[in-house]
Amino acid sequence: MSFNVILGAGLIGFGCISLYATFAKPHWFKKREAMKKFWGDKVGKAVHFGGYVVLPIVAGSLILLNAVL
């Protein structure tokens, strides 16, 4: 198994855990409150969601796809 497969799977796993925690355990994220305070409620949540959920899942998917193909 190559490093890229492990990295891609790890990023997807991190994104999925972050997705779960965003809705079930929002108090786990200390940076989320700082982002909400800095950018406002809606934009802060969106920036946090994009950076900790969407970006890792997309990057992990692309890395995994590149490793498999």
N, C-alpha and C. Protein backbone atom coordinates (compact mmCIF):
# COMPACT_ATOMS: atom_id res chain seq x y z
N MET A 1 0.86 -1.17 0.00
CA MET A 1 0.00 0.00 0.00
C MET A 1 0.90 1.23 0.00
N SER A 2 0.62 2.16 -0.88
CA SER A 2 1.48 3.32 -1.01
C SER A 2 1.10 4.42 0.01
N PHE A 3 2.02 5.33 0.16
CA PHE A 3 1.81 6.44 1.08
C PHE A 3 0.60 7.27 0.68
N ASN A 4 0.40 7.48 -0.62
CA ASN A 4 -0.72 8.29 -1.09
C ASN A 4 -2.08 7.68 -0.75
N VAL A 5 -2.17 6.36 -0.77
CA VAL A 5 -3.42 5.70 -0.38
C VAL A 5 -3.70 5.95 1.09
N ILE A 6 -2.68 5.81 1.90
CA ILE A 6 -2.84 6.03 3.35
C ILE A 6 -3.18 7.48 3.63
N LEU A 7 -2.49 8.40 2.96
CA LEU A 7 -2.75 9.83 3.15
C LEU A 7 -4.17 10.19 2.72
N GLY A 8 -4.59 9.73 1.55
CA GLY A 8 -5.93 10.02 1.06
C GLY A 8 -7.00 9.47 1.98
N ALA A 9 -6.84 8.22 2.42
CA ALA A 9 -7.81 7.62 3.33
C ALA A 9 -7.83 8.35 4.68
N GLY A 10 -6.66 8.76 5.14
CA GLY A 10 -6.59 9.51 6.40
C GLY A 10 -7.29 10.86 6.32
N LEU A 11 -7.11 11.56 5.21
CA LEU A 11 -7.78 12.84 5.04
C LEU A 11 -9.29 12.68 4.94
N ILE A 12 -9.73 11.66 4.23
CA ILE A 12 -11.17 11.41 4.15
C ILE A 12 -11.72 11.06 5.53
N GLY A 13 -10.99 10.25 6.27
CA GLY A 13 -11.41 9.91 7.63
C GLY A 13 -11.48 11.13 8.54
N PHE A 14 -10.47 11.98 8.45
CA PHE A 14 -10.48 13.21 9.25
C PHE A 14 -11.67 14.08 8.90
N GLY A 15 -11.95 14.21 7.60
CA GLY A 15 -13.09 15.01 7.17
C GLY A 15 -14.41 14.44 7.67
N CYS A 16 -14.54 13.13 7.65
CA CYS A 16 -15.78 12.50 8.11
C CYS A 16 -15.95 12.65 9.63
N ILE A 17 -14.87 12.51 10.37
CA ILE A 17 -14.95 12.71 11.82
C ILE A 17 -15.28 14.17 12.13
N SER A 18 -14.69 15.09 11.39
CA SER A 18 -14.99 16.50 11.58
C SER A 18 -16.44 16.81 11.22
N LEU A 19 -16.97 16.16 10.19
CA LEU A 19 -18.37 16.33 9.82
C LEU A 19 -19.28 15.88 10.94
N TYR A 20 -19.00 14.71 11.49
CA TYR A 20 -19.78 14.22 12.63
C TYR A 20 -19.69 15.17 13.82
N ALA A 21 -18.48 15.57 14.15
CA ALA A 21 -18.27 16.42 15.32
C ALA A 21 -18.88 17.81 15.14
N THR A 22 -18.93 18.30 13.91
CA THR A 22 -19.50 19.62 13.66
C THR A 22 -20.95 19.68 14.09
N PHE A 23 -21.68 18.61 13.85
CA PHE A 23 -23.10 18.60 14.18
C PHE A 23 -23.40 17.98 15.54
N ALA A 24 -22.67 16.94 15.92
CA ALA A 24 -22.97 16.24 17.17
C ALA A 24 -22.23 16.82 18.38
N LYS A 25 -21.01 17.28 18.18
CA LYS A 25 -20.18 17.78 19.29
C LYS A 25 -19.49 19.08 18.92
N PRO A 26 -20.24 20.16 18.69
CA PRO A 26 -19.60 21.41 18.26
C PRO A 26 -18.67 22.02 19.31
N HIS A 27 -18.82 21.62 20.57
CA HIS A 27 -17.95 22.18 21.61
C HIS A 27 -16.52 21.63 21.53
N TRP A 28 -16.27 20.60 20.71
CA TRP A 28 -14.93 20.07 20.52
C TRP A 28 -14.01 21.06 19.81
N PHE A 29 -14.59 21.96 19.02
CA PHE A 29 -13.81 22.87 18.19
C PHE A 29 -13.66 24.23 18.87
N LYS A 30 -12.47 24.48 19.38
CA LYS A 30 -12.20 25.78 19.99
C LYS A 30 -12.01 26.86 18.92
N LYS A 31 -11.42 26.48 17.78
CA LYS A 31 -11.16 27.45 16.72
C LYS A 31 -12.45 27.93 16.07
N ARG A 32 -13.48 27.10 16.11
CA ARG A 32 -14.76 27.48 15.49
C ARG A 32 -15.33 28.73 16.16
N GLU A 33 -15.25 28.78 17.47
CA GLU A 33 -15.76 29.95 18.20
C GLU A 33 -14.94 31.19 17.86
N ALA A 34 -13.63 31.03 17.72
CA ALA A 34 -12.78 32.16 17.34
C ALA A 34 -13.12 32.64 15.93
N MET A 35 -13.38 31.70 15.03
CA MET A 35 -13.74 32.08 13.66
C MET A 35 -15.10 32.77 13.63
N LYS A 36 -16.04 32.29 14.43
CA LYS A 36 -17.35 32.92 14.49
C LYS A 36 -17.24 34.33 15.07
N LYS A 37 -16.36 34.50 16.04
CA LYS A 37 -16.18 35.82 16.65
C LYS A 37 -15.52 36.79 15.67
N PHE A 38 -14.56 36.29 14.89
CA PHE A 38 -13.81 37.13 13.96
C PHE A 38 -14.63 37.49 12.73
N TRP A 39 -15.28 36.48 12.10
CA TRP A 39 -15.98 36.71 10.84
C TRP A 39 -17.50 36.83 10.98
N GLY A 40 -18.03 36.58 12.14
CA GLY A 40 -19.47 36.56 12.30
C GLY A 40 -19.96 35.11 12.31
N ASP A 41 -21.22 34.93 12.67
CA ASP A 41 -21.75 33.58 12.88
C ASP A 41 -21.78 32.76 11.59
N LYS A 42 -22.43 33.25 10.56
CA LYS A 42 -22.60 32.47 9.33
C LYS A 42 -21.28 32.24 8.60
N VAL A 43 -20.52 33.29 8.41
CA VAL A 43 -19.26 33.17 7.66
C VAL A 43 -18.25 32.34 8.46
N GLY A 44 -18.20 32.53 9.75
CA GLY A 44 -17.29 31.75 10.59
C GLY A 44 -17.58 30.26 10.53
N LYS A 45 -18.87 29.90 10.59
CA LYS A 45 -19.25 28.49 10.45
C LYS A 45 -18.90 27.96 9.07
N ALA A 46 -19.12 28.76 8.04
CA ALA A 46 -18.83 28.33 6.67
C ALA A 46 -17.32 28.14 6.46
N VAL A 47 -16.52 29.04 6.97
CA VAL A 47 -15.06 28.93 6.83
C VAL A 47 -14.58 27.67 7.57
N HIS A 48 -15.09 27.46 8.77
CA HIS A 48 -14.70 26.28 9.53
C HIS A 48 -15.13 25.00 8.83
N PHE A 49 -16.35 24.96 8.33
CA PHE A 49 -16.86 23.79 7.63
C PHE A 49 -16.05 23.51 6.37
N GLY A 50 -15.74 24.56 5.63
CA GLY A 50 -14.95 24.40 4.41
C GLY A 50 -13.55 23.90 4.69
N GLY A 51 -12.92 24.46 5.71
CA GLY A 51 -11.53 24.11 6.00
C GLY A 51 -11.34 22.79 6.71
N TYR A 52 -12.31 22.38 7.53
CA TYR A 52 -12.14 21.18 8.33
C TYR A 52 -12.97 20.00 7.85
N VAL A 53 -13.93 20.22 6.94
CA VAL A 53 -14.75 19.13 6.44
C VAL A 53 -14.59 18.98 4.93
N VAL A 54 -14.92 20.02 4.19
CA VAL A 54 -14.94 19.92 2.72
C VAL A 54 -13.53 19.76 2.16
N LEU A 55 -12.62 20.60 2.56
CA LEU A 55 -11.27 20.56 2.01
C LEU A 55 -10.56 19.22 2.26
N PRO A 56 -10.57 18.67 3.46
CA PRO A 56 -9.92 17.36 3.65
C PRO A 56 -10.58 16.24 2.84
N ILE A 57 -11.91 16.24 2.74
CA ILE A 57 -12.57 15.19 1.98
C ILE A 57 -12.25 15.31 0.50
N VAL A 58 -12.29 16.51 -0.04
CA VAL A 58 -11.98 16.71 -1.46
C VAL A 58 -10.51 16.38 -1.73
N ALA A 59 -9.61 16.89 -0.91
CA ALA A 59 -8.18 16.63 -1.13
C ALA A 59 -7.88 15.14 -0.97
N GLY A 60 -8.46 14.50 0.03
CA GLY A 60 -8.25 13.06 0.22
C GLY A 60 -8.79 12.25 -0.94
N SER A 61 -9.94 12.65 -1.45
CA SER A 61 -10.52 11.95 -2.60
C SER A 61 -9.63 12.08 -3.83
N LEU A 62 -9.13 13.28 -4.07
CA LEU A 62 -8.26 13.49 -5.23
C LEU A 62 -6.94 12.73 -5.09
N ILE A 63 -6.36 12.73 -3.91
CA ILE A 63 -5.11 12.00 -3.69
C ILE A 63 -5.34 10.50 -3.84
N LEU A 64 -6.44 10.01 -3.28
CA LEU A 64 -6.76 8.59 -3.38
C LEU A 64 -7.05 8.19 -4.82
N LEU A 65 -7.77 9.02 -5.52
CA LEU A 65 -8.08 8.75 -6.93
C LEU A 65 -6.80 8.73 -7.76
N ASN A 66 -5.91 9.67 -7.50
CA ASN A 66 -4.63 9.72 -8.21
C ASN A 66 -3.79 8.49 -7.90
N ALA A 67 -3.81 8.02 -6.67
CA ALA A 67 -3.02 6.86 -6.30
C ALA A 67 -3.57 5.58 -6.93
N VAL A 68 -4.88 5.48 -7.04
CA VAL A 68 -5.50 4.28 -7.60
C VAL A 68 -5.35 4.24 -9.12
N LEU A 69 -5.53 5.38 -9.75
CA LEU A 69 -5.42 5.41 -11.21
C LEU A 69 -3.96 5.53 -11.61
